[in-house]
Amino acid sequence: MYYVNREQIDLRLSALSDVADALESLAADWQGTLLQGLAQERALHLAGEIVTDVGSYLIDGFLMRDASSYEDIVEIIGEEGVFPAERKAPLAELVRLRKPLVQDYWRWDRAALHPLTPRLPDVLRAFRRDVESYLERELG
């Protein structure tokens, strides 16, 4: 029997609603202020962390192949049918933002609305539903 830490997965998935709402709000009223730029930066960072954390729990719990990178986490859970193929590209784009957000933050253009920001809220909400459906299918 697999041990899937549903509690930790659920905790992380529950945070997606706030992140998606924040990104949606930022995209709808973008003026490029410093505060908006910092909020966007943090929301994108959290979104990526949630996706990779959830992916790591799924990989560990279902004994999927080991991931070699953050992008590989998205690749693996996509291959395993956690989400449909059309979600792979935006999720991969999101996790590729980790390095610029965490290590090269001093280069980040805080005045610009990132192109992923308006697209991501729907993707995150769908990712949550996808993971919940996958867990229900696999574990009941």
Protein backbone atom coordinates (compact mmCIF):
# COMPACT_ATOMS: atom_id res chain seq x y z
CA MET A 1 0.00 0.00 0.00
CA TYR A 2 1.22 3.49 -0.84
CA TYR A 3 1.50 6.19 1.77
CA VAL A 4 0.22 9.36 0.20
CA ASN A 5 0.32 12.32 2.57
CA ARG A 6 -3.09 13.68 1.66
CA GLU A 7 -3.10 16.05 4.60
CA GLN A 8 -0.01 17.88 3.34
CA ILE A 9 -1.27 17.82 -0.23
CA ASP A 10 -4.64 19.25 0.86
CA LEU A 11 -2.97 21.99 2.93
CA ARG A 12 -0.96 23.10 -0.06
CA LEU A 13 -3.85 22.86 -2.50
CA SER A 14 -6.01 24.97 -0.20
CA ALA A 15 -3.48 27.81 -0.54
CA LEU A 16 -3.92 27.82 -4.32
CA SER A 17 -7.25 29.65 -4.09
CA ASP A 18 -5.66 32.69 -2.42
CA VAL A 19 -2.75 32.69 -4.85
CA ALA A 20 -5.07 32.40 -7.88
CA ASP A 21 -7.31 35.18 -6.52
CA ALA A 22 -4.29 37.44 -5.93
CA LEU A 23 -2.94 36.88 -9.44
CA GLU A 24 -6.37 37.48 -10.94
CA SER A 25 -6.73 40.73 -9.00
CA LEU A 26 -3.27 41.91 -9.97
CA ALA A 27 -3.87 41.18 -13.66
CA ALA A 28 -7.24 42.96 -13.63
CA ASP A 29 -5.89 46.18 -12.11
CA TRP A 30 -2.23 46.25 -13.11
CA GLN A 31 -0.63 49.68 -12.75
CA GLY A 32 2.95 48.57 -12.29
CA THR A 33 3.44 49.91 -8.79
CA LEU A 34 6.21 48.58 -6.60
CA LEU A 35 3.67 46.99 -4.25
CA GLN A 36 1.91 45.26 -7.13
CA GLY A 37 5.24 44.10 -8.51
CA LEU A 38 6.26 42.61 -5.19
CA ALA A 39 2.85 40.99 -4.74
CA GLN A 40 3.02 39.46 -8.22
CA GLU A 41 6.53 38.20 -7.53
CA ARG A 42 5.45 36.51 -4.30
CA ALA A 43 2.25 35.06 -5.79
CA LEU A 44 4.16 33.54 -8.71
CA HIS A 45 6.76 32.17 -6.30
CA LEU A 46 4.10 30.61 -4.06
CA ALA A 47 2.28 29.13 -7.05
CA GLY A 48 5.45 27.42 -8.21
CA GLU A 49 6.28 26.14 -4.74
CA ILE A 50 2.79 24.72 -4.29
CA VAL A 51 2.85 22.93 -7.64
CA THR A 52 6.28 21.41 -6.97
CA ASP A 53 5.46 20.53 -3.36
CA VAL A 54 2.24 18.77 -4.38
CA GLY A 55 4.06 17.08 -7.24
CA SER A 56 6.79 15.85 -4.89
CA TYR A 57 4.22 14.39 -2.50
CA LEU A 58 2.53 12.61 -5.39
CA ILE A 59 5.83 11.28 -6.73
CA ASP A 60 6.85 10.02 -3.28
CA GLY A 61 3.45 8.60 -2.39
CA PHE A 62 2.83 6.77 -5.64
CA LEU A 63 6.44 5.67 -6.06
CA MET A 64 6.83 7.43 -9.40
CA ARG A 65 10.30 7.83 -10.88
CA ASP A 66 12.60 10.28 -9.10
CA ALA A 67 12.60 13.84 -10.30
CA SER A 68 15.88 15.47 -11.28
CA SER A 69 14.60 19.05 -11.33
CA TYR A 70 11.56 21.20 -10.66
CA GLU A 71 10.56 20.94 -14.31
CA ASP A 72 10.93 17.18 -14.08
CA ILE A 73 8.35 17.13 -11.28
CA VAL A 74 5.80 18.62 -13.68
CA GLU A 75 6.90 16.22 -16.42
CA ILE A 76 6.52 13.15 -14.19
CA ILE A 77 3.11 13.95 -12.76
CA GLY A 78 1.91 14.87 -16.25
CA GLU A 79 3.11 11.54 -17.61
CA GLU A 80 1.36 9.76 -14.75
CA GLY A 81 -1.97 11.36 -15.70
CA VAL A 82 -2.35 13.77 -12.81
CA PHE A 83 -3.33 16.57 -15.20
CA PRO A 84 -4.21 16.74 -18.92
CA ALA A 85 -1.55 17.54 -21.51
CA GLU A 86 -2.75 21.10 -22.10
CA ARG A 87 -1.73 22.08 -18.57
CA LYS A 88 1.86 20.93 -18.93
CA ALA A 89 3.19 24.02 -20.76
CA PRO A 90 1.92 26.69 -18.32
CA LEU A 91 2.92 24.60 -15.29
CA ALA A 92 6.41 24.05 -16.73
CA GLU A 93 6.68 27.77 -17.48
CA LEU A 94 5.67 28.50 -13.89
CA VAL A 95 8.30 26.25 -12.32
CA ARG A 96 10.97 27.68 -14.63
CA LEU A 97 10.33 31.02 -12.89
CA ARG A 98 11.74 29.66 -9.63
CA LYS A 99 15.35 30.58 -10.38
CA PRO A 100 14.55 34.15 -11.49
CA LEU A 101 12.25 34.65 -8.50
CA VAL A 102 14.46 33.07 -5.84
CA GLN A 103 18.03 33.57 -7.06
CA ASP A 104 17.94 36.38 -9.62
CA TYR A 105 15.26 38.49 -7.92
CA TRP A 106 17.38 41.61 -8.32
CA ARG A 107 16.85 41.36 -12.10
CA TRP A 108 13.07 40.89 -11.92
CA ASP A 109 11.13 43.69 -13.64
CA ARG A 110 8.66 44.60 -10.91
CA ALA A 111 6.93 47.22 -13.06
CA ALA A 112 5.90 44.68 -15.72
CA LEU A 113 2.93 42.37 -15.63
CA HIS A 114 4.39 38.93 -16.26
CA PRO A 115 2.61 37.22 -19.20
CA LEU A 116 1.81 34.19 -17.05
CA THR A 117 -0.01 36.23 -14.38
CA PRO A 118 -3.36 36.63 -16.22
CA ARG A 119 -3.30 33.00 -17.48
CA LEU A 120 -2.31 31.31 -14.26
CA PRO A 121 -5.42 31.65 -12.06
CA ASP A 122 -7.46 29.28 -14.25
CA VAL A 123 -4.51 26.90 -14.56
CA LEU A 124 -4.03 26.78 -10.78
CA ARG A 125 -7.71 26.18 -10.09
CA ALA A 126 -7.76 23.41 -12.69
CA PHE A 127 -4.54 21.90 -11.25
CA ARG A 128 -6.22 21.68 -7.86
CA ARG A 129 -9.23 19.89 -9.36
CA ASP A 130 -6.93 17.62 -11.37
CA VAL A 131 -4.96 16.54 -8.29
CA GLU A 132 -8.11 15.99 -6.24
CA SER A 133 -9.61 13.89 -9.06
CA TYR A 134 -6.39 11.90 -9.42
CA LEU A 135 -6.31 11.13 -5.70
CA GLU A 136 -9.95 10.08 -5.77
CA ARG A 137 -9.34 7.80 -8.77
CA GLU A 138 -6.24 6.22 -7.31
CA LEU A 139 -7.13 6.03 -3.63
CA GLY A 140 -10.91 6.30 -3.48
